[in-house]
N, C-alpha and C. Protein backbone atom coordinates (compact mmCIF):
# COMPACT_ATOMS: atom_id res chain seq x y z
N MET A 1 -25.95 -23.94 21.11
CA MET A 1 -24.54 -23.90 21.52
C MET A 1 -24.37 -24.60 22.86
N THR A 2 -23.34 -25.43 22.98
CA THR A 2 -23.01 -26.08 24.25
C THR A 2 -21.61 -25.65 24.65
N GLY A 3 -21.25 -25.94 25.88
CA GLY A 3 -19.94 -25.54 26.37
C GLY A 3 -20.01 -24.15 26.98
N LEU A 4 -18.87 -23.60 27.29
CA LEU A 4 -18.77 -22.27 27.89
C LEU A 4 -18.69 -21.21 26.81
N ARG A 5 -18.97 -19.97 27.21
CA ARG A 5 -18.94 -18.86 26.26
C ARG A 5 -17.68 -18.02 26.47
N TYR A 6 -16.86 -17.99 25.45
CA TYR A 6 -15.66 -17.16 25.43
C TYR A 6 -16.05 -15.85 24.74
N VAL A 7 -15.77 -14.71 25.38
CA VAL A 7 -16.16 -13.41 24.83
C VAL A 7 -14.92 -12.65 24.39
N TYR A 8 -14.92 -12.20 23.14
CA TYR A 8 -13.80 -11.46 22.57
C TYR A 8 -13.93 -9.96 22.72
N ALA A 9 -15.12 -9.46 22.44
CA ALA A 9 -15.30 -8.02 22.37
C ALA A 9 -16.78 -7.69 22.43
N VAL A 10 -17.06 -6.42 22.65
CA VAL A 10 -18.42 -5.88 22.57
C VAL A 10 -18.40 -4.75 21.54
N CYS A 11 -19.43 -4.68 20.73
CA CYS A 11 -19.51 -3.64 19.70
C CYS A 11 -20.96 -3.30 19.44
N ARG A 12 -21.18 -2.39 18.53
CA ARG A 12 -22.54 -2.11 18.06
C ARG A 12 -22.88 -3.07 16.92
N PRO A 13 -24.14 -3.27 16.64
CA PRO A 13 -24.50 -4.13 15.49
C PRO A 13 -23.88 -3.61 14.20
N PHE A 14 -23.47 -4.54 13.34
CA PHE A 14 -22.86 -4.16 12.07
C PHE A 14 -23.37 -5.09 10.97
N ASP A 15 -23.33 -4.60 9.75
CA ASP A 15 -23.90 -5.34 8.61
C ASP A 15 -22.88 -6.22 7.89
N ALA A 16 -21.61 -5.81 7.92
CA ALA A 16 -20.60 -6.54 7.15
C ALA A 16 -20.39 -7.94 7.74
N ALA A 17 -20.06 -8.87 6.86
CA ALA A 17 -19.82 -10.25 7.29
C ALA A 17 -18.38 -10.43 7.73
N LEU A 18 -18.18 -11.24 8.76
CA LEU A 18 -16.83 -11.62 9.15
C LEU A 18 -16.28 -12.63 8.14
N GLN A 19 -14.98 -12.82 8.19
CA GLN A 19 -14.35 -13.78 7.27
C GLN A 19 -15.02 -15.14 7.42
N ALA A 20 -15.31 -15.77 6.29
CA ALA A 20 -16.09 -17.00 6.30
C ALA A 20 -15.41 -18.12 7.08
N GLN A 21 -14.08 -18.19 7.00
CA GLN A 21 -13.37 -19.28 7.65
C GLN A 21 -12.68 -18.85 8.94
N LEU A 22 -13.12 -17.74 9.51
CA LEU A 22 -12.51 -17.25 10.75
C LEU A 22 -12.81 -18.21 11.89
N THR A 23 -11.79 -18.59 12.61
CA THR A 23 -11.97 -19.41 13.81
C THR A 23 -11.38 -18.68 15.00
N GLY A 24 -11.92 -18.98 16.16
CA GLY A 24 -11.46 -18.34 17.38
C GLY A 24 -10.73 -19.31 18.28
N VAL A 25 -10.76 -19.03 19.56
CA VAL A 25 -10.11 -19.88 20.56
C VAL A 25 -10.73 -21.27 20.52
N ALA A 26 -9.88 -22.28 20.58
CA ALA A 26 -10.28 -23.70 20.55
C ALA A 26 -10.90 -24.09 19.21
N GLY A 27 -10.72 -23.25 18.18
CA GLY A 27 -11.11 -23.63 16.84
C GLY A 27 -12.55 -23.37 16.46
N ALA A 28 -13.35 -22.83 17.35
CA ALA A 28 -14.76 -22.60 17.05
C ALA A 28 -14.94 -21.24 16.37
N PRO A 29 -15.87 -21.13 15.43
CA PRO A 29 -16.11 -19.84 14.77
C PRO A 29 -16.80 -18.87 15.72
N PRO A 30 -16.49 -17.58 15.63
CA PRO A 30 -17.16 -16.60 16.48
C PRO A 30 -18.61 -16.37 16.03
N LYS A 31 -19.45 -16.08 17.00
CA LYS A 31 -20.86 -15.80 16.75
C LYS A 31 -21.20 -14.45 17.39
N LEU A 32 -22.32 -13.89 16.97
CA LEU A 32 -22.77 -12.60 17.48
C LEU A 32 -23.96 -12.81 18.40
N LEU A 33 -23.84 -12.31 19.63
CA LEU A 33 -24.93 -12.39 20.60
C LEU A 33 -25.40 -10.96 20.86
N THR A 34 -26.60 -10.64 20.40
CA THR A 34 -27.14 -9.28 20.51
C THR A 34 -28.03 -9.15 21.74
N HIS A 35 -27.80 -8.07 22.51
CA HIS A 35 -28.60 -7.84 23.71
C HIS A 35 -28.59 -6.35 24.03
N HIS A 36 -29.77 -5.78 24.24
CA HIS A 36 -29.91 -4.36 24.57
C HIS A 36 -29.24 -3.46 23.52
N GLY A 37 -29.27 -3.87 22.27
CA GLY A 37 -28.69 -3.06 21.22
C GLY A 37 -27.18 -3.10 21.15
N LEU A 38 -26.55 -4.00 21.89
CA LEU A 38 -25.10 -4.20 21.82
C LEU A 38 -24.83 -5.64 21.38
N VAL A 39 -23.65 -5.87 20.87
CA VAL A 39 -23.28 -7.19 20.36
C VAL A 39 -22.06 -7.69 21.13
N ALA A 40 -22.19 -8.86 21.71
CA ALA A 40 -21.03 -9.56 22.26
C ALA A 40 -20.57 -10.59 21.23
N VAL A 41 -19.30 -10.58 20.90
CA VAL A 41 -18.75 -11.54 19.95
C VAL A 41 -18.21 -12.71 20.77
N VAL A 42 -18.79 -13.89 20.57
CA VAL A 42 -18.52 -15.03 21.44
C VAL A 42 -18.19 -16.26 20.60
N SER A 43 -17.62 -17.25 21.25
CA SER A 43 -17.52 -18.58 20.66
C SER A 43 -17.62 -19.60 21.78
N THR A 44 -17.79 -20.84 21.39
CA THR A 44 -17.92 -21.92 22.36
C THR A 44 -16.56 -22.55 22.63
N VAL A 45 -16.24 -22.73 23.90
CA VAL A 45 -14.99 -23.39 24.29
C VAL A 45 -15.33 -24.54 25.23
N PRO A 46 -14.53 -25.61 25.23
CA PRO A 46 -14.85 -26.77 26.05
C PRO A 46 -14.65 -26.48 27.55
N GLU A 47 -15.61 -26.92 28.32
CA GLU A 47 -15.53 -26.71 29.78
C GLU A 47 -14.32 -27.40 30.37
N ALA A 48 -13.92 -28.52 29.80
CA ALA A 48 -12.76 -29.25 30.34
C ALA A 48 -11.49 -28.43 30.28
N ASP A 49 -11.41 -27.46 29.35
CA ASP A 49 -10.21 -26.63 29.22
C ASP A 49 -10.39 -25.22 29.77
N PHE A 50 -11.66 -24.75 29.88
CA PHE A 50 -11.86 -23.34 30.19
C PHE A 50 -12.72 -23.09 31.43
N ALA A 51 -13.08 -24.13 32.15
CA ALA A 51 -13.68 -23.91 33.46
C ALA A 51 -12.62 -23.29 34.39
N GLU A 52 -13.04 -22.82 35.54
CA GLU A 52 -12.16 -22.02 36.39
C GLU A 52 -10.83 -22.69 36.70
N GLU A 53 -10.87 -23.95 37.11
CA GLU A 53 -9.62 -24.61 37.51
C GLU A 53 -8.70 -24.87 36.31
N PRO A 54 -9.17 -25.52 35.23
CA PRO A 54 -8.27 -25.73 34.08
C PRO A 54 -7.84 -24.41 33.43
N LEU A 55 -8.68 -23.38 33.49
CA LEU A 55 -8.30 -22.10 32.91
C LEU A 55 -7.13 -21.49 33.67
N ARG A 56 -7.11 -21.70 34.99
CA ARG A 56 -5.99 -21.19 35.78
C ARG A 56 -4.68 -21.84 35.35
N TYR A 57 -4.72 -23.14 35.09
CA TYR A 57 -3.51 -23.81 34.60
C TYR A 57 -3.17 -23.35 33.18
N ARG A 58 -4.19 -23.14 32.38
CA ARG A 58 -3.96 -22.73 30.99
C ARG A 58 -3.26 -21.38 30.93
N THR A 59 -3.69 -20.43 31.74
CA THR A 59 -3.08 -19.10 31.72
C THR A 59 -1.69 -19.09 32.34
N ALA A 60 -1.36 -20.12 33.10
CA ALA A 60 -0.02 -20.23 33.67
C ALA A 60 0.95 -20.94 32.72
N ASP A 61 0.41 -21.59 31.70
CA ASP A 61 1.22 -22.30 30.71
C ASP A 61 1.52 -21.34 29.56
N GLY A 62 2.78 -20.97 29.41
CA GLY A 62 3.14 -19.95 28.43
C GLY A 62 2.71 -20.28 27.01
N ASP A 63 2.89 -21.52 26.58
CA ASP A 63 2.54 -21.90 25.21
C ASP A 63 1.03 -21.88 24.99
N ARG A 64 0.28 -22.42 25.94
CA ARG A 64 -1.17 -22.43 25.80
C ARG A 64 -1.74 -21.01 25.87
N LEU A 65 -1.18 -20.22 26.77
CA LEU A 65 -1.64 -18.83 26.87
C LEU A 65 -1.38 -18.08 25.57
N ALA A 66 -0.19 -18.29 24.99
CA ALA A 66 0.15 -17.61 23.74
C ALA A 66 -0.80 -18.03 22.62
N ALA A 67 -1.15 -19.31 22.56
CA ALA A 67 -2.07 -19.78 21.52
C ALA A 67 -3.45 -19.16 21.71
N THR A 68 -3.89 -19.08 22.97
CA THR A 68 -5.19 -18.44 23.25
C THR A 68 -5.17 -16.99 22.83
N GLU A 69 -4.10 -16.29 23.16
CA GLU A 69 -4.02 -14.86 22.83
C GLU A 69 -3.96 -14.64 21.33
N ARG A 70 -3.25 -15.50 20.60
CA ARG A 70 -3.20 -15.35 19.14
C ARG A 70 -4.58 -15.49 18.53
N ALA A 71 -5.31 -16.51 18.96
CA ALA A 71 -6.66 -16.71 18.42
C ALA A 71 -7.59 -15.56 18.83
N HIS A 72 -7.45 -15.11 20.06
CA HIS A 72 -8.25 -13.99 20.56
C HIS A 72 -8.03 -12.75 19.70
N HIS A 73 -6.77 -12.40 19.48
CA HIS A 73 -6.46 -11.19 18.72
C HIS A 73 -6.79 -11.33 17.24
N ALA A 74 -6.78 -12.55 16.72
CA ALA A 74 -7.17 -12.73 15.32
C ALA A 74 -8.64 -12.37 15.13
N VAL A 75 -9.47 -12.73 16.09
CA VAL A 75 -10.89 -12.36 16.00
C VAL A 75 -11.04 -10.85 16.15
N ILE A 76 -10.31 -10.26 17.08
CA ILE A 76 -10.38 -8.80 17.25
C ILE A 76 -9.95 -8.10 15.97
N ASP A 77 -8.89 -8.58 15.33
CA ASP A 77 -8.42 -7.97 14.07
C ASP A 77 -9.51 -8.05 13.01
N ALA A 78 -10.17 -9.18 12.91
CA ALA A 78 -11.23 -9.34 11.91
C ALA A 78 -12.38 -8.38 12.20
N LEU A 79 -12.71 -8.20 13.45
CA LEU A 79 -13.76 -7.25 13.82
C LEU A 79 -13.36 -5.82 13.48
N THR A 80 -12.10 -5.49 13.72
CA THR A 80 -11.63 -4.13 13.48
C THR A 80 -11.75 -3.75 12.01
N ALA A 81 -11.72 -4.74 11.13
CA ALA A 81 -11.85 -4.46 9.70
C ALA A 81 -13.26 -4.04 9.32
N VAL A 82 -14.25 -4.34 10.18
CA VAL A 82 -15.64 -4.07 9.80
C VAL A 82 -16.38 -3.18 10.79
N THR A 83 -15.82 -2.96 11.99
CA THR A 83 -16.50 -2.16 12.99
C THR A 83 -15.48 -1.68 14.02
N THR A 84 -15.97 -1.08 15.10
CA THR A 84 -15.10 -0.67 16.21
C THR A 84 -15.40 -1.56 17.40
N PRO A 85 -14.57 -2.58 17.64
CA PRO A 85 -14.81 -3.45 18.79
C PRO A 85 -14.16 -2.90 20.05
N LEU A 86 -14.79 -3.18 21.18
CA LEU A 86 -14.17 -2.91 22.48
C LEU A 86 -13.59 -4.24 22.96
N PRO A 87 -12.27 -4.42 22.89
CA PRO A 87 -11.69 -5.73 23.20
C PRO A 87 -11.79 -6.04 24.69
N LEU A 88 -12.18 -7.25 24.99
CA LEU A 88 -12.14 -7.72 26.37
C LEU A 88 -10.83 -8.47 26.60
N ARG A 89 -10.54 -8.68 27.85
CA ARG A 89 -9.29 -9.34 28.23
C ARG A 89 -9.29 -10.77 27.69
N PRO A 90 -8.16 -11.26 27.16
CA PRO A 90 -8.10 -12.66 26.75
C PRO A 90 -8.50 -13.60 27.89
N ALA A 91 -9.17 -14.69 27.53
CA ALA A 91 -9.64 -15.69 28.50
C ALA A 91 -10.78 -15.16 29.37
N THR A 92 -11.64 -14.32 28.77
CA THR A 92 -12.88 -13.90 29.43
C THR A 92 -13.95 -14.93 29.09
N VAL A 93 -14.38 -15.69 30.09
CA VAL A 93 -15.25 -16.84 29.87
C VAL A 93 -16.45 -16.76 30.81
N PHE A 94 -17.64 -17.12 30.28
CA PHE A 94 -18.87 -17.14 31.06
C PHE A 94 -19.54 -18.50 30.91
N ARG A 95 -20.44 -18.78 31.84
CA ARG A 95 -21.09 -20.09 31.85
C ARG A 95 -21.93 -20.33 30.60
N ASP A 96 -22.71 -19.31 30.20
CA ASP A 96 -23.64 -19.50 29.08
C ASP A 96 -24.03 -18.14 28.53
N ASP A 97 -24.93 -18.15 27.55
CA ASP A 97 -25.37 -16.90 26.94
C ASP A 97 -26.05 -15.98 27.95
N SER A 98 -26.80 -16.56 28.88
CA SER A 98 -27.48 -15.74 29.88
C SER A 98 -26.48 -14.96 30.73
N ALA A 99 -25.37 -15.59 31.07
CA ALA A 99 -24.35 -14.90 31.86
C ALA A 99 -23.70 -13.79 31.05
N VAL A 100 -23.54 -13.99 29.74
CA VAL A 100 -23.00 -12.93 28.89
C VAL A 100 -23.98 -11.75 28.85
N ARG A 101 -25.26 -12.04 28.76
CA ARG A 101 -26.26 -10.97 28.76
C ARG A 101 -26.23 -10.18 30.06
N VAL A 102 -26.05 -10.87 31.16
CA VAL A 102 -25.96 -10.18 32.45
C VAL A 102 -24.74 -9.26 32.47
N MET A 103 -23.62 -9.73 31.94
CA MET A 103 -22.42 -8.90 31.86
C MET A 103 -22.68 -7.64 31.04
N ILE A 104 -23.36 -7.79 29.92
CA ILE A 104 -23.67 -6.63 29.09
C ILE A 104 -24.53 -5.64 29.86
N GLU A 105 -25.52 -6.13 30.56
CA GLU A 105 -26.40 -5.24 31.33
C GLU A 105 -25.61 -4.52 32.42
N GLU A 106 -24.74 -5.23 33.10
CA GLU A 106 -23.98 -4.63 34.19
C GLU A 106 -23.02 -3.55 33.70
N ARG A 107 -22.51 -3.71 32.50
CA ARG A 107 -21.51 -2.77 31.98
C ARG A 107 -22.03 -1.94 30.82
N GLU A 108 -23.35 -1.96 30.64
CA GLU A 108 -23.94 -1.33 29.47
C GLU A 108 -23.58 0.14 29.34
N ASP A 109 -23.68 0.90 30.43
CA ASP A 109 -23.38 2.33 30.37
C ASP A 109 -21.93 2.58 29.96
N ASP A 110 -21.02 1.79 30.54
CA ASP A 110 -19.60 1.95 30.20
C ASP A 110 -19.36 1.62 28.72
N PHE A 111 -19.95 0.54 28.26
CA PHE A 111 -19.79 0.17 26.85
C PHE A 111 -20.30 1.27 25.92
N ARG A 112 -21.47 1.81 26.23
CA ARG A 112 -22.05 2.83 25.35
C ARG A 112 -21.21 4.10 25.34
N ARG A 113 -20.73 4.51 26.52
CA ARG A 113 -19.88 5.71 26.57
C ARG A 113 -18.61 5.49 25.77
N ALA A 114 -18.01 4.31 25.92
CA ALA A 114 -16.77 4.02 25.19
C ALA A 114 -17.01 4.00 23.68
N LEU A 115 -18.11 3.41 23.25
CA LEU A 115 -18.41 3.36 21.82
C LEU A 115 -18.70 4.75 21.27
N ASP A 116 -19.38 5.59 22.04
CA ASP A 116 -19.61 6.98 21.61
C ASP A 116 -18.29 7.70 21.36
N ARG A 117 -17.30 7.41 22.21
CA ARG A 117 -16.01 8.10 22.12
C ARG A 117 -15.09 7.50 21.08
N LEU A 118 -15.19 6.19 20.86
CA LEU A 118 -14.16 5.49 20.09
C LEU A 118 -14.62 5.00 18.71
N SER A 119 -15.89 5.03 18.43
CA SER A 119 -16.37 4.53 17.14
C SER A 119 -15.71 5.29 15.99
N GLY A 120 -15.33 4.55 14.96
CA GLY A 120 -14.69 5.15 13.80
C GLY A 120 -13.22 5.46 14.00
N ARG A 121 -12.64 4.91 15.07
CA ARG A 121 -11.25 5.19 15.38
C ARG A 121 -10.45 3.90 15.51
N VAL A 122 -9.16 3.99 15.27
CA VAL A 122 -8.26 2.85 15.40
C VAL A 122 -7.03 3.29 16.18
N GLU A 123 -6.27 2.32 16.56
CA GLU A 123 -5.04 2.58 17.32
C GLU A 123 -3.82 2.28 16.45
N TRP A 124 -2.86 3.20 16.47
CA TRP A 124 -1.58 3.00 15.80
C TRP A 124 -0.48 2.99 16.85
N GLY A 125 0.44 2.04 16.72
CA GLY A 125 1.58 1.98 17.63
C GLY A 125 2.82 2.55 16.96
N VAL A 126 3.57 3.35 17.69
CA VAL A 126 4.81 3.94 17.18
C VAL A 126 5.92 3.69 18.20
N LYS A 127 7.01 3.10 17.72
CA LYS A 127 8.19 2.90 18.54
C LYS A 127 9.39 3.51 17.85
N VAL A 128 10.33 4.01 18.65
CA VAL A 128 11.58 4.55 18.11
C VAL A 128 12.72 3.75 18.73
N TYR A 129 13.57 3.21 17.87
CA TYR A 129 14.74 2.44 18.29
C TYR A 129 16.00 3.22 17.95
N LEU A 130 16.98 3.11 18.81
CA LEU A 130 18.28 3.72 18.53
C LEU A 130 19.21 2.60 18.09
N GLU A 131 19.48 2.54 16.77
CA GLU A 131 20.24 1.43 16.22
C GLU A 131 21.70 1.76 16.01
N GLU A 132 21.98 2.99 15.66
CA GLU A 132 23.36 3.36 15.36
C GLU A 132 23.93 4.19 16.49
N ARG A 133 25.10 3.82 16.97
CA ARG A 133 25.76 4.55 18.04
C ARG A 133 27.11 5.06 17.54
N GLY A 134 27.32 6.32 17.75
CA GLY A 134 28.58 6.92 17.35
C GLY A 134 29.56 6.91 18.52
N LYS A 135 30.63 7.65 18.38
CA LYS A 135 31.62 7.71 19.45
C LYS A 135 31.04 8.37 20.69
N ASP A 136 30.19 9.34 20.49
CA ASP A 136 29.57 10.04 21.61
C ASP A 136 28.20 9.42 21.85
N ASP A 137 28.19 8.29 22.59
CA ASP A 137 26.93 7.60 22.79
C ASP A 137 25.92 8.47 23.52
N GLU A 138 26.35 9.18 24.54
CA GLU A 138 25.43 9.99 25.31
C GLU A 138 24.83 11.10 24.45
N GLY A 139 25.66 11.73 23.64
CA GLY A 139 25.17 12.76 22.75
C GLY A 139 24.23 12.20 21.71
N THR A 140 24.54 11.01 21.19
CA THR A 140 23.68 10.37 20.20
C THR A 140 22.30 10.09 20.79
N ARG A 141 22.30 9.59 22.03
CA ARG A 141 21.02 9.28 22.66
C ARG A 141 20.22 10.56 22.94
N ARG A 142 20.89 11.62 23.37
CA ARG A 142 20.19 12.88 23.62
C ARG A 142 19.54 13.40 22.34
N ASN A 143 20.29 13.33 21.25
CA ASN A 143 19.74 13.79 19.97
C ASN A 143 18.55 12.93 19.54
N ALA A 144 18.66 11.62 19.76
CA ALA A 144 17.57 10.72 19.39
C ALA A 144 16.35 10.97 20.27
N GLU A 145 16.55 11.23 21.55
CA GLU A 145 15.42 11.54 22.44
C GLU A 145 14.74 12.83 22.02
N ALA A 146 15.53 13.82 21.61
CA ALA A 146 14.95 15.08 21.13
C ALA A 146 14.14 14.83 19.86
N PHE A 147 14.67 13.98 18.97
CA PHE A 147 13.92 13.61 17.77
C PHE A 147 12.61 12.94 18.13
N ALA A 148 12.63 12.00 19.09
CA ALA A 148 11.41 11.31 19.49
C ALA A 148 10.39 12.29 20.05
N GLY A 149 10.86 13.28 20.79
CA GLY A 149 9.95 14.28 21.32
C GLY A 149 9.29 15.09 20.21
N ARG A 150 10.07 15.48 19.21
CA ARG A 150 9.51 16.23 18.09
C ARG A 150 8.51 15.37 17.32
N LEU A 151 8.85 14.10 17.13
CA LEU A 151 7.96 13.19 16.42
C LEU A 151 6.64 13.07 17.18
N HIS A 152 6.72 12.90 18.48
CA HIS A 152 5.51 12.75 19.28
C HIS A 152 4.62 13.98 19.17
N ARG A 153 5.21 15.15 19.22
CA ARG A 153 4.40 16.36 19.11
C ARG A 153 3.72 16.46 17.74
N ALA A 154 4.45 16.06 16.69
CA ALA A 154 3.88 16.09 15.34
C ALA A 154 2.75 15.08 15.20
N LEU A 155 2.96 13.87 15.72
CA LEU A 155 1.93 12.84 15.60
C LEU A 155 0.70 13.18 16.44
N SER A 156 0.92 13.80 17.59
CA SER A 156 -0.20 14.15 18.47
C SER A 156 -1.16 15.12 17.80
N ARG A 157 -0.65 15.93 16.88
CA ARG A 157 -1.52 16.87 16.17
C ARG A 157 -2.47 16.15 15.21
N HIS A 158 -2.15 14.91 14.86
CA HIS A 158 -2.99 14.14 13.94
C HIS A 158 -3.76 13.04 14.68
N ALA A 159 -3.70 13.05 16.02
CA ALA A 159 -4.36 12.02 16.82
C ALA A 159 -5.30 12.69 17.83
N GLU A 160 -6.30 11.95 18.24
CA GLU A 160 -7.24 12.47 19.23
C GLU A 160 -6.78 12.19 20.66
N ASP A 161 -5.94 11.20 20.83
CA ASP A 161 -5.45 10.85 22.16
C ASP A 161 -4.19 10.01 22.00
N HIS A 162 -3.46 9.82 23.06
CA HIS A 162 -2.26 8.99 22.99
C HIS A 162 -1.98 8.38 24.36
N ARG A 163 -1.18 7.34 24.36
CA ARG A 163 -0.67 6.71 25.57
C ARG A 163 0.83 6.51 25.40
N LEU A 164 1.61 6.93 26.38
CA LEU A 164 3.05 6.72 26.38
C LEU A 164 3.38 5.54 27.29
N TYR A 165 4.28 4.68 26.84
CA TYR A 165 4.61 3.47 27.60
C TYR A 165 6.09 3.44 27.94
N THR A 166 6.38 2.85 29.08
CA THR A 166 7.76 2.61 29.48
C THR A 166 8.19 1.26 28.93
N SER A 167 9.27 1.25 28.18
CA SER A 167 9.77 0.01 27.61
C SER A 167 11.26 0.14 27.38
N SER A 168 11.86 -0.91 26.82
CA SER A 168 13.29 -0.88 26.53
C SER A 168 13.60 -0.04 25.30
N ASN A 169 12.59 0.38 24.58
CA ASN A 169 12.80 1.19 23.39
C ASN A 169 13.04 2.65 23.79
N LEU A 170 13.58 3.39 22.86
CA LEU A 170 13.79 4.80 23.10
C LEU A 170 12.47 5.53 23.28
N PHE A 171 11.45 5.10 22.54
CA PHE A 171 10.13 5.74 22.59
C PHE A 171 9.09 4.69 22.24
N ASP A 172 7.96 4.71 22.94
CA ASP A 172 6.94 3.69 22.74
C ASP A 172 5.58 4.34 23.05
N ALA A 173 4.72 4.43 22.05
CA ALA A 173 3.45 5.12 22.24
C ALA A 173 2.36 4.50 21.40
N ALA A 174 1.12 4.75 21.82
CA ALA A 174 -0.07 4.38 21.04
C ALA A 174 -0.87 5.64 20.79
N TYR A 175 -1.44 5.75 19.59
CA TYR A 175 -2.19 6.93 19.19
C TYR A 175 -3.59 6.53 18.73
N LEU A 176 -4.57 7.29 19.17
CA LEU A 176 -5.95 7.09 18.75
C LEU A 176 -6.22 8.02 17.57
N VAL A 177 -6.54 7.42 16.43
CA VAL A 177 -6.67 8.19 15.18
C VAL A 177 -7.96 7.79 14.49
N THR A 178 -8.66 8.78 13.93
CA THR A 178 -9.85 8.44 13.15
C THR A 178 -9.43 7.68 11.89
N ARG A 179 -10.32 6.87 11.39
CA ARG A 179 -10.02 6.15 10.16
C ARG A 179 -9.73 7.12 9.01
N GLU A 180 -10.47 8.24 9.00
CA GLU A 180 -10.28 9.23 7.94
C GLU A 180 -8.91 9.87 7.99
N ASP A 181 -8.34 10.04 9.17
CA ASP A 181 -7.04 10.69 9.32
C ASP A 181 -5.87 9.71 9.30
N SER A 182 -6.17 8.42 9.22
CA SER A 182 -5.12 7.41 9.35
C SER A 182 -4.11 7.47 8.20
N GLU A 183 -4.58 7.71 6.98
CA GLU A 183 -3.66 7.77 5.85
C GLU A 183 -2.63 8.89 6.04
N GLN A 184 -3.09 10.04 6.48
CA GLN A 184 -2.17 11.16 6.72
C GLN A 184 -1.21 10.84 7.87
N PHE A 185 -1.72 10.17 8.89
CA PHE A 185 -0.88 9.78 10.02
C PHE A 185 0.23 8.84 9.57
N VAL A 186 -0.12 7.85 8.79
CA VAL A 186 0.87 6.88 8.29
C VAL A 186 1.89 7.57 7.39
N GLU A 187 1.43 8.45 6.53
CA GLU A 187 2.35 9.17 5.64
C GLU A 187 3.35 10.00 6.44
N LEU A 188 2.91 10.60 7.53
CA LEU A 188 3.80 11.40 8.36
C LEU A 188 4.88 10.52 8.99
N VAL A 189 4.50 9.37 9.47
CA VAL A 189 5.49 8.45 10.06
C VAL A 189 6.47 7.98 9.00
N ASP A 190 5.95 7.58 7.84
CA ASP A 190 6.82 7.09 6.76
C ASP A 190 7.80 8.17 6.31
N ARG A 191 7.30 9.38 6.18
CA ARG A 191 8.15 10.48 5.74
C ARG A 191 9.24 10.77 6.77
N THR A 192 8.88 10.74 8.02
CA THR A 192 9.85 10.98 9.09
C THR A 192 10.91 9.90 9.11
N ASN A 193 10.49 8.65 8.93
CA ASN A 193 11.41 7.52 8.99
C ASN A 193 12.44 7.59 7.85
N SER A 194 12.03 8.06 6.70
CA SER A 194 12.95 8.11 5.55
C SER A 194 13.90 9.30 5.63
N ASP A 195 13.58 10.29 6.47
CA ASP A 195 14.38 11.51 6.53
C ASP A 195 15.40 11.52 7.67
N VAL A 196 15.41 10.49 8.52
CA VAL A 196 16.23 10.55 9.72
C VAL A 196 17.31 9.48 9.67
N ASP A 197 18.49 9.81 10.17
CA ASP A 197 19.59 8.85 10.33
C ASP A 197 19.74 8.55 11.81
N GLY A 198 20.02 7.28 12.12
CA GLY A 198 20.22 6.91 13.52
C GLY A 198 19.00 6.24 14.09
N PRO A 199 18.04 7.01 14.63
CA PRO A 199 16.84 6.39 15.18
C PRO A 199 16.01 5.73 14.07
N ARG A 200 15.39 4.62 14.42
CA ARG A 200 14.48 3.95 13.48
C ARG A 200 13.07 3.99 14.05
N VAL A 201 12.13 4.40 13.22
CA VAL A 201 10.74 4.51 13.65
C VAL A 201 9.97 3.30 13.13
N GLU A 202 9.26 2.64 14.02
CA GLU A 202 8.45 1.48 13.65
C GLU A 202 6.98 1.80 13.89
N LEU A 203 6.17 1.61 12.86
CA LEU A 203 4.74 1.84 12.93
C LEU A 203 4.02 0.50 12.84
N THR A 204 3.05 0.28 13.73
CA THR A 204 2.22 -0.92 13.66
C THR A 204 0.75 -0.52 13.74
N GLY A 205 -0.10 -1.31 13.13
CA GLY A 205 -1.52 -1.04 13.13
C GLY A 205 -2.08 -1.10 11.72
N PRO A 206 -3.34 -0.75 11.55
CA PRO A 206 -4.24 -0.27 12.60
C PRO A 206 -4.76 -1.41 13.47
N TRP A 207 -4.83 -1.12 14.77
CA TRP A 207 -5.31 -2.09 15.74
C TRP A 207 -6.65 -1.66 16.30
N ALA A 208 -7.30 -2.56 16.98
CA ALA A 208 -8.43 -2.18 17.81
C ALA A 208 -7.94 -1.23 18.91
N VAL A 209 -8.87 -0.59 19.57
CA VAL A 209 -8.51 0.50 20.50
C VAL A 209 -8.10 -0.05 21.87
N TYR A 210 -7.14 -0.97 21.87
CA TYR A 210 -6.72 -1.64 23.11
C TYR A 210 -6.31 -0.65 24.20
N SER A 211 -5.55 0.35 23.85
CA SER A 211 -4.97 1.25 24.85
C SER A 211 -5.96 2.29 25.35
N PHE A 212 -7.11 2.41 24.72
CA PHE A 212 -8.02 3.51 25.02
C PHE A 212 -9.37 3.06 25.56
N PHE A 213 -9.55 1.75 25.69
CA PHE A 213 -10.76 1.24 26.29
C PHE A 213 -10.42 0.77 27.69
N GLY A 214 -11.01 1.37 28.68
CA GLY A 214 -10.59 1.15 30.07
C GLY A 214 -11.12 -0.11 30.69
N SER A 215 -10.75 -1.26 30.11
CA SER A 215 -11.20 -2.53 30.68
C SER A 215 -10.03 -3.40 31.10
N GLY A 216 -8.85 -2.79 31.17
CA GLY A 216 -7.69 -3.59 31.56
C GLY A 216 -7.24 -4.54 30.49
N THR A 217 -7.51 -4.22 29.23
CA THR A 217 -7.17 -5.15 28.16
C THR A 217 -5.69 -5.13 27.80
N GLY A 218 -4.95 -4.16 28.28
CA GLY A 218 -3.54 -4.09 27.91
C GLY A 218 -3.36 -3.54 26.52
N ARG A 219 -2.21 -3.85 25.91
CA ARG A 219 -1.85 -3.23 24.65
C ARG A 219 -2.09 -4.10 23.44
N GLY A 220 -2.63 -5.27 23.65
CA GLY A 220 -2.96 -6.07 22.48
C GLY A 220 -1.78 -6.81 21.90
N PRO A 221 -1.84 -7.17 20.61
CA PRO A 221 -0.92 -8.14 20.03
C PRO A 221 0.46 -7.61 19.71
N ARG A 222 0.72 -6.30 19.85
CA ARG A 222 1.99 -5.77 19.37
C ARG A 222 3.03 -5.58 20.46
N THR A 223 2.77 -6.05 21.68
CA THR A 223 3.74 -5.91 22.75
C THR A 223 4.85 -6.93 22.59
């Protein structure tokens, strides 16, 4: 491999194959770099575009940044289908494989603790929108907020953890759910959405555990 190493995620070794035609940032297929019993998912990116100075311009360019993030999250999504990846921040780039190995060693304890806690789990996003407004807008919003609170309490009983976010929506949260409990979680959201007038519930996922891995990765592709 030549060029710089772009790192998408860290995970444990897995047997399933990634999609045959999966491509990552800059069009290169992702590869698995194993070190100390952990796997860094990497691809090669051109130094002319991803060295420190050009990368600074790239992340300041909205269109280029968006393209990088789409390719980054596509690889994360493919990994989530076969294992539990710990997503790294988009545009995480190292000089070579040796530098990636050093990163793994430096963060090995954190990675292992996170994988112990998060393996076999996915993230579901739930948002509540207030679409219909009656004559009593304030009363309508109060009722919708009360509904969102009840929904959150119900969903929390089927989740191991959650994160609440401030946004323009009436309610915006991420839930950490085991794969085994995900079907029941989705059914609860669907059932709630069909039974309520006014507020609209939007469910997204399953995603990688963006909100629950403490690496500053943000919320992933659904923001």
